[in-house]
All heavy atoms as atom14 arrays in JSON, in Angstrom:
{
  "sequence": "NGFYQGWDLHPAQLPTRYGALYTFFLEGLAGATER",
  "atom14_mask": [
    [1, 1, 1, 1, 1, 1, 1, 1, 0, 0, 0, 0, 0, 0],
    [1, 1, 1, 1, 0, 0, 0, 0, 0, 0, 0, 0, 0, 0],
    [1, 1, 1, 1, 1, 1, 1, 1, 1, 1, 1, 0, 0, 0],
    [1, 1, 1, 1, 1, 1, 1, 1, 1, 1, 1, 1, 0, 0],
    [1, 1, 1, 1, 1, 1, 1, 1, 1, 0, 0, 0, 0, 0],
    [1, 1, 1, 1, 0, 0, 0, 0, 0, 0, 0, 0, 0, 0],
    [1, 1, 1, 1, 1, 1, 1, 1, 1, 1, 1, 1, 1, 1],
    [1, 1, 1, 1, 1, 1, 1, 1, 0, 0, 0, 0, 0, 0],
    [1, 1, 1, 1, 1, 1, 1, 1, 0, 0, 0, 0, 0, 0],
    [1, 1, 1, 1, 1, 1, 1, 1, 1, 1, 0, 0, 0, 0],
    [1, 1, 1, 1, 1, 1, 1, 0, 0, 0, 0, 0, 0, 0],
    [1, 1, 1, 1, 1, 0, 0, 0, 0, 0, 0, 0, 0, 0],
    [1, 1, 1, 1, 1, 1, 1, 1, 1, 0, 0, 0, 0, 0],
    [1, 1, 1, 1, 1, 1, 1, 1, 0, 0, 0, 0, 0, 0],
    [1, 1, 1, 1, 1, 1, 1, 0, 0, 0, 0, 0, 0, 0],
    [1, 1, 1, 1, 1, 1, 1, 0, 0, 0, 0, 0, 0, 0],
    [1, 1, 1, 1, 1, 1, 1, 1, 1, 1, 1, 0, 0, 0],
    [1, 1, 1, 1, 1, 1, 1, 1, 1, 1, 1, 1, 0, 0],
    [1, 1, 1, 1, 0, 0, 0, 0, 0, 0, 0, 0, 0, 0],
    [1, 1, 1, 1, 1, 0, 0, 0, 0, 0, 0, 0, 0, 0],
    [1, 1, 1, 1, 1, 1, 1, 1, 0, 0, 0, 0, 0, 0],
    [1, 1, 1, 1, 1, 1, 1, 1, 1, 1, 1, 1, 0, 0],
    [1, 1, 1, 1, 1, 1, 1, 0, 0, 0, 0, 0, 0, 0],
    [1, 1, 1, 1, 1, 1, 1, 1, 1, 1, 1, 0, 0, 0],
    [1, 1, 1, 1, 1, 1, 1, 1, 1, 1, 1, 0, 0, 0],
    [1, 1, 1, 1, 1, 1, 1, 1, 0, 0, 0, 0, 0, 0],
    [1, 1, 1, 1, 1, 1, 1, 1, 1, 0, 0, 0, 0, 0],
    [1, 1, 1, 1, 0, 0, 0, 0, 0, 0, 0, 0, 0, 0],
    [1, 1, 1, 1, 1, 1, 1, 1, 0, 0, 0, 0, 0, 0],
    [1, 1, 1, 1, 1, 0, 0, 0, 0, 0, 0, 0, 0, 0],
    [1, 1, 1, 1, 0, 0, 0, 0, 0, 0, 0, 0, 0, 0],
    [1, 1, 1, 1, 1, 0, 0, 0, 0, 0, 0, 0, 0, 0],
    [1, 1, 1, 1, 1, 1, 1, 0, 0, 0, 0, 0, 0, 0],
    [1, 1, 1, 1, 1, 1, 1, 1, 1, 0, 0, 0, 0, 0],
    [1, 1, 1, 1, 1, 1, 1, 1, 1, 1, 1, 0, 0, 0]
  ],
  "atom14_positions": [
    [[54.51, 92.96, 111.32], [53.35, 92.27, 111.87], [53.7, 90.95, 112.55], [52.81, 90.15, 112.85], [52.31, 92.05, 110.76], [51.59, 93.33, 110.38], [50.77, 93.84, 111.14], [51.93, 93.89, 109.23], [0.0, 0.0, 0.0], [0.0, 0.0, 0.0], [0.0, 0.0, 0.0], [0.0, 0.0, 0.0], [0.0, 0.0, 0.0], [0.0, 0.0, 0.0]],
    [[54.98, 90.75, 112.82], [55.38, 89.6, 113.63], [55.53, 88.3, 112.88], [55.6, 87.24, 113.49], [0.0, 0.0, 0.0], [0.0, 0.0, 0.0], [0.0, 0.0, 0.0], [0.0, 0.0, 0.0], [0.0, 0.0, 0.0], [0.0, 0.0, 0.0], [0.0, 0.0, 0.0], [0.0, 0.0, 0.0], [0.0, 0.0, 0.0], [0.0, 0.0, 0.0]],
    [[55.6, 88.33, 111.55], [55.87, 87.14, 110.75], [57.32, 87.2, 110.29], [57.68, 88.0, 109.42], [54.93, 87.08, 109.54], [53.56, 86.53, 109.86], [52.64, 87.29, 110.58], [53.19, 85.26, 109.45], [51.38, 86.79, 110.89], [51.93, 84.75, 109.75], [51.02, 85.52, 110.47], [0.0, 0.0, 0.0], [0.0, 0.0, 0.0], [0.0, 0.0, 0.0]],
    [[58.15, 86.35, 110.87], [59.59, 86.41, 110.62], [60.04, 85.44, 109.54], [61.24, 85.25, 109.32], [60.34, 86.12, 111.93], [60.18, 87.24, 112.93], [59.16, 87.2, 113.88], [61.01, 88.36, 112.9], [58.98, 88.24, 114.78], [60.84, 89.4, 113.79], [59.82, 89.33, 114.74], [59.65, 90.36, 115.62], [0.0, 0.0, 0.0], [0.0, 0.0, 0.0]],
    [[59.1, 84.84, 108.86], [59.39, 83.9, 107.78], [58.44, 84.16, 106.64], [57.3, 84.59, 106.84], [59.25, 82.46, 108.29], [59.59, 81.38, 107.28], [59.46, 79.98, 107.89], [59.27, 79.83, 109.1], [59.58, 78.94, 107.08], [0.0, 0.0, 0.0], [0.0, 0.0, 0.0], [0.0, 0.0, 0.0], [0.0, 0.0, 0.0], [0.0, 0.0, 0.0]],
    [[58.88, 83.93, 105.41], [58.02, 84.06, 104.24], [58.51, 83.13, 103.15], [59.48, 82.39, 103.33], [0.0, 0.0, 0.0], [0.0, 0.0, 0.0], [0.0, 0.0, 0.0], [0.0, 0.0, 0.0], [0.0, 0.0, 0.0], [0.0, 0.0, 0.0], [0.0, 0.0, 0.0], [0.0, 0.0, 0.0], [0.0, 0.0, 0.0], [0.0, 0.0, 0.0]],
    [[57.84, 83.19, 102.01], [58.24, 82.34, 100.88], [59.03, 83.16, 99.87], [58.73, 84.33, 99.63], [57.02, 81.8, 100.16], [56.13, 80.91, 100.94], [56.29, 80.49, 102.23], [54.92, 80.33, 100.48], [55.25, 79.68, 102.61], [54.39, 79.56, 101.54], [54.23, 80.37, 99.27], [53.2, 78.85, 101.42], [53.05, 79.66, 99.15], [52.54, 78.91, 100.21]],
    [[59.98, 82.5, 99.24], [60.67, 83.07, 98.08], [60.56, 82.07, 96.94], [60.68, 80.86, 97.14], [62.14, 83.37, 98.4], [62.3, 84.53, 99.37], [61.51, 85.49, 99.26], [63.18, 84.47, 100.24], [0.0, 0.0, 0.0], [0.0, 0.0, 0.0], [0.0, 0.0, 0.0], [0.0, 0.0, 0.0], [0.0, 0.0, 0.0], [0.0, 0.0, 0.0]],
    [[60.34, 82.6, 95.74], [60.06, 81.75, 94.58], [61.13, 81.85, 93.49], [61.09, 81.07, 92.54], [58.7, 82.12, 93.99], [57.51, 82.08, 94.95], [56.24, 82.54, 94.24], [57.32, 80.69, 95.54], [0.0, 0.0, 0.0], [0.0, 0.0, 0.0], [0.0, 0.0, 0.0], [0.0, 0.0, 0.0], [0.0, 0.0, 0.0], [0.0, 0.0, 0.0]],
    [[62.05, 82.8, 93.61], [63.05, 83.03, 92.56], [64.36, 83.43, 93.23], [64.35, 84.18, 94.22], [62.56, 84.14, 91.62], [63.36, 84.27, 90.37], [64.57, 84.94, 90.33], [63.14, 83.8, 89.1], [65.05, 84.89, 89.1], [64.19, 84.21, 88.33], [0.0, 0.0, 0.0], [0.0, 0.0, 0.0], [0.0, 0.0, 0.0], [0.0, 0.0, 0.0]],
    [[65.49, 82.96, 92.72], [66.77, 83.3, 93.37], [67.07, 84.78, 93.41], [67.76, 85.25, 94.32], [67.82, 82.53, 92.53], [67.13, 82.16, 91.26], [65.69, 82.0, 91.61], [0.0, 0.0, 0.0], [0.0, 0.0, 0.0], [0.0, 0.0, 0.0], [0.0, 0.0, 0.0], [0.0, 0.0, 0.0], [0.0, 0.0, 0.0], [0.0, 0.0, 0.0]],
    [[66.54, 85.56, 92.46], [66.78, 87.0, 92.48], [65.99, 87.69, 93.58], [66.19, 88.9, 93.82], [66.44, 87.62, 91.12], [0.0, 0.0, 0.0], [0.0, 0.0, 0.0], [0.0, 0.0, 0.0], [0.0, 0.0, 0.0], [0.0, 0.0, 0.0], [0.0, 0.0, 0.0], [0.0, 0.0, 0.0], [0.0, 0.0, 0.0], [0.0, 0.0, 0.0]],
    [[65.11, 86.97, 94.28], [64.44, 87.53, 95.46], [65.29, 87.39, 96.72], [64.99, 88.04, 97.73], [63.09, 86.84, 95.68], [62.03, 87.18, 94.64], [60.7, 86.5, 94.93], [60.66, 85.32, 95.3], [59.61, 87.22, 94.75], [0.0, 0.0, 0.0], [0.0, 0.0, 0.0], [0.0, 0.0, 0.0], [0.0, 0.0, 0.0], [0.0, 0.0, 0.0]],
    [[66.32, 86.58, 96.67], [67.13, 86.37, 97.87], [67.86, 87.64, 98.31], [67.92, 87.93, 99.51], [68.11, 85.22, 97.65], [67.46, 83.86, 97.34], [68.53, 82.79, 97.13], [66.51, 83.44, 98.45], [0.0, 0.0, 0.0], [0.0, 0.0, 0.0], [0.0, 0.0, 0.0], [0.0, 0.0, 0.0], [0.0, 0.0, 0.0], [0.0, 0.0, 0.0]],
    [[68.44, 88.45, 97.4], [69.06, 89.7, 97.86], [68.09, 90.61, 98.61], [68.45, 91.23, 99.62], [69.56, 90.35, 96.57], [69.77, 89.21, 95.63], [68.68, 88.24, 95.96], [0.0, 0.0, 0.0], [0.0, 0.0, 0.0], [0.0, 0.0, 0.0], [0.0, 0.0, 0.0], [0.0, 0.0, 0.0], [0.0, 0.0, 0.0], [0.0, 0.0, 0.0]],
    [[66.84, 90.71, 98.12], [65.91, 91.61, 98.78], [65.33, 90.99, 100.05], [64.96, 91.72, 100.98], [64.77, 92.03, 97.84], [64.37, 90.91, 97.03], [65.23, 93.14, 96.93], [0.0, 0.0, 0.0], [0.0, 0.0, 0.0], [0.0, 0.0, 0.0], [0.0, 0.0, 0.0], [0.0, 0.0, 0.0], [0.0, 0.0, 0.0], [0.0, 0.0, 0.0]],
    [[65.21, 89.67, 100.11], [64.81, 89.03, 101.36], [65.77, 89.44, 102.47], [65.37, 89.91, 103.54], [64.83, 87.5, 101.2], [64.73, 86.7, 102.51], [63.41, 86.82, 103.22], [62.31, 86.4, 102.38], [61.03, 86.47, 102.73], [60.69, 86.96, 103.91], [60.07, 86.1, 101.9], [0.0, 0.0, 0.0], [0.0, 0.0, 0.0], [0.0, 0.0, 0.0]],
    [[67.07, 89.27, 102.21], [68.06, 89.58, 103.25], [68.26, 91.08, 103.4], [68.5, 91.58, 104.5], [69.37, 88.86, 102.94], [69.23, 87.37, 103.02], [69.42, 86.57, 101.9], [68.86, 86.74, 104.21], [69.27, 85.19, 101.96], [68.69, 85.37, 104.28], [68.91, 84.59, 103.15], [68.74, 83.23, 103.22], [0.0, 0.0, 0.0], [0.0, 0.0, 0.0]],
    [[68.15, 91.83, 102.3], [68.3, 93.28, 102.4], [67.24, 93.89, 103.3], [67.53, 94.7, 104.18], [0.0, 0.0, 0.0], [0.0, 0.0, 0.0], [0.0, 0.0, 0.0], [0.0, 0.0, 0.0], [0.0, 0.0, 0.0], [0.0, 0.0, 0.0], [0.0, 0.0, 0.0], [0.0, 0.0, 0.0], [0.0, 0.0, 0.0], [0.0, 0.0, 0.0]],
    [[65.99, 93.52, 103.1], [64.89, 94.05, 103.92], [65.0, 93.54, 105.36], [64.78, 94.29, 106.32], [63.55, 93.64, 103.32], [0.0, 0.0, 0.0], [0.0, 0.0, 0.0], [0.0, 0.0, 0.0], [0.0, 0.0, 0.0], [0.0, 0.0, 0.0], [0.0, 0.0, 0.0], [0.0, 0.0, 0.0], [0.0, 0.0, 0.0], [0.0, 0.0, 0.0]],
    [[65.34, 92.26, 105.51], [65.47, 91.66, 106.83], [66.58, 92.31, 107.64], [66.4, 92.69, 108.81], [65.74, 90.16, 106.67], [65.84, 89.31, 107.92], [64.47, 89.17, 108.58], [66.39, 87.92, 107.57], [0.0, 0.0, 0.0], [0.0, 0.0, 0.0], [0.0, 0.0, 0.0], [0.0, 0.0, 0.0], [0.0, 0.0, 0.0], [0.0, 0.0, 0.0]],
    [[67.73, 92.49, 107.02], [68.88, 93.06, 107.74], [68.63, 94.51, 108.11], [69.02, 94.97, 109.18], [70.14, 92.93, 106.89], [70.65, 91.51, 106.72], [69.9, 90.41, 107.17], [71.86, 91.25, 106.1], [70.37, 89.12, 107.01], [72.33, 89.95, 105.95], [71.58, 88.88, 106.4], [72.03, 87.6, 106.24], [0.0, 0.0, 0.0], [0.0, 0.0, 0.0]],
    [[67.97, 95.25, 107.21], [67.64, 96.64, 107.51], [66.71, 96.71, 108.72], [66.88, 97.54, 109.62], [66.97, 97.3, 106.29], [67.87, 97.24, 105.18], [66.62, 98.75, 106.59], [0.0, 0.0, 0.0], [0.0, 0.0, 0.0], [0.0, 0.0, 0.0], [0.0, 0.0, 0.0], [0.0, 0.0, 0.0], [0.0, 0.0, 0.0], [0.0, 0.0, 0.0]],
    [[65.73, 95.82, 108.77], [64.78, 95.77, 109.88], [65.52, 95.56, 111.2], [65.26, 96.26, 112.19], [63.77, 94.64, 109.63], [62.81, 94.39, 110.76], [61.66, 95.15, 110.9], [63.05, 93.38, 111.69], [60.76, 94.92, 111.93], [62.16, 93.14, 112.73], [61.02, 93.91, 112.85], [0.0, 0.0, 0.0], [0.0, 0.0, 0.0], [0.0, 0.0, 0.0]],
    [[66.42, 94.6, 111.26], [67.13, 94.31, 112.5], [68.11, 95.44, 112.86], [68.2, 95.82, 114.04], [67.89, 92.99, 112.39], [67.03, 91.79, 112.66], [66.55, 91.01, 111.62], [66.66, 91.46, 113.95], [65.74, 89.9, 111.86], [65.85, 90.36, 114.22], [65.39, 89.58, 113.17], [0.0, 0.0, 0.0], [0.0, 0.0, 0.0], [0.0, 0.0, 0.0]],
    [[68.79, 95.98, 111.89], [69.76, 97.05, 112.2], [69.05, 98.32, 112.63], [69.55, 99.05, 113.5], [70.67, 97.29, 110.99], [71.7, 96.18, 110.75], [72.36, 96.34, 109.38], [72.77, 96.17, 111.84], [0.0, 0.0, 0.0], [0.0, 0.0, 0.0], [0.0, 0.0, 0.0], [0.0, 0.0, 0.0], [0.0, 0.0, 0.0], [0.0, 0.0, 0.0]],
    [[67.89, 98.62, 112.06], [67.13, 99.79, 112.49], [66.64, 99.63, 113.93], [66.52, 100.61, 114.66], [65.95, 100.03, 111.56], [66.32, 100.59, 110.19], [65.14, 100.75, 109.27], [64.07, 100.17, 109.55], [65.27, 101.46, 108.25], [0.0, 0.0, 0.0], [0.0, 0.0, 0.0], [0.0, 0.0, 0.0], [0.0, 0.0, 0.0], [0.0, 0.0, 0.0]],
    [[66.35, 98.41, 114.33], [65.85, 98.17, 115.68], [66.93, 97.86, 116.69], [66.63, 97.65, 117.88], [0.0, 0.0, 0.0], [0.0, 0.0, 0.0], [0.0, 0.0, 0.0], [0.0, 0.0, 0.0], [0.0, 0.0, 0.0], [0.0, 0.0, 0.0], [0.0, 0.0, 0.0], [0.0, 0.0, 0.0], [0.0, 0.0, 0.0], [0.0, 0.0, 0.0]],
    [[68.19, 97.83, 116.25], [69.28, 97.37, 117.11], [69.47, 98.25, 118.34], [69.58, 97.74, 119.46], [70.58, 97.3, 116.31], [71.84, 96.9, 117.08], [71.69, 95.51, 117.7], [73.06, 96.93, 116.15], [0.0, 0.0, 0.0], [0.0, 0.0, 0.0], [0.0, 0.0, 0.0], [0.0, 0.0, 0.0], [0.0, 0.0, 0.0], [0.0, 0.0, 0.0]],
    [[69.53, 99.56, 118.17], [69.82, 100.46, 119.29], [68.77, 100.32, 120.4], [69.09, 100.18, 121.58], [69.91, 101.9, 118.81], [0.0, 0.0, 0.0], [0.0, 0.0, 0.0], [0.0, 0.0, 0.0], [0.0, 0.0, 0.0], [0.0, 0.0, 0.0], [0.0, 0.0, 0.0], [0.0, 0.0, 0.0], [0.0, 0.0, 0.0], [0.0, 0.0, 0.0]],
    [[67.5, 100.35, 120.01], [66.43, 100.25, 121.01], [66.42, 98.91, 121.71], [66.25, 98.84, 122.94], [0.0, 0.0, 0.0], [0.0, 0.0, 0.0], [0.0, 0.0, 0.0], [0.0, 0.0, 0.0], [0.0, 0.0, 0.0], [0.0, 0.0, 0.0], [0.0, 0.0, 0.0], [0.0, 0.0, 0.0], [0.0, 0.0, 0.0], [0.0, 0.0, 0.0]],
    [[66.61, 97.82, 120.95], [66.6, 96.49, 121.55], [67.8, 96.3, 122.46], [67.69, 95.66, 123.51], [66.59, 95.43, 120.45], [0.0, 0.0, 0.0], [0.0, 0.0, 0.0], [0.0, 0.0, 0.0], [0.0, 0.0, 0.0], [0.0, 0.0, 0.0], [0.0, 0.0, 0.0], [0.0, 0.0, 0.0], [0.0, 0.0, 0.0], [0.0, 0.0, 0.0]],
    [[68.95, 96.88, 122.09], [70.15, 96.76, 122.92], [69.93, 97.43, 124.27], [70.24, 96.86, 125.32], [71.36, 97.4, 122.2], [71.61, 96.7, 120.98], [72.61, 97.34, 123.08], [0.0, 0.0, 0.0], [0.0, 0.0, 0.0], [0.0, 0.0, 0.0], [0.0, 0.0, 0.0], [0.0, 0.0, 0.0], [0.0, 0.0, 0.0], [0.0, 0.0, 0.0]],
    [[69.38, 98.64, 124.25], [69.15, 99.36, 125.5], [68.15, 98.62, 126.38], [68.37, 98.48, 127.6], [68.65, 100.76, 125.2], [68.43, 101.61, 126.46], [67.96, 103.02, 126.15], [67.74, 103.33, 124.96], [67.8, 103.8, 127.1], [0.0, 0.0, 0.0], [0.0, 0.0, 0.0], [0.0, 0.0, 0.0], [0.0, 0.0, 0.0], [0.0, 0.0, 0.0]],
    [[67.09, 98.12, 125.79], [66.06, 97.43, 126.58], [66.61, 96.15, 127.22], [66.39, 95.9, 128.41], [64.86, 97.08, 125.7], [63.98, 98.26, 125.34], [62.69, 97.78, 124.7], [61.87, 97.05, 125.67], [60.92, 96.17, 125.32], [60.69, 95.92, 124.05], [60.21, 95.55, 126.25], [0.0, 0.0, 0.0], [0.0, 0.0, 0.0], [0.0, 0.0, 0.0]]
  ]
}
């Protein structure tokens, strides 16, 4: 939904913050590269 920032409240949320974020960018990489 176009919100590229959020809040994290616990250090154990940091792996999933980056895990979800990196998956999002890598899944979109091929299409964005071509465009």
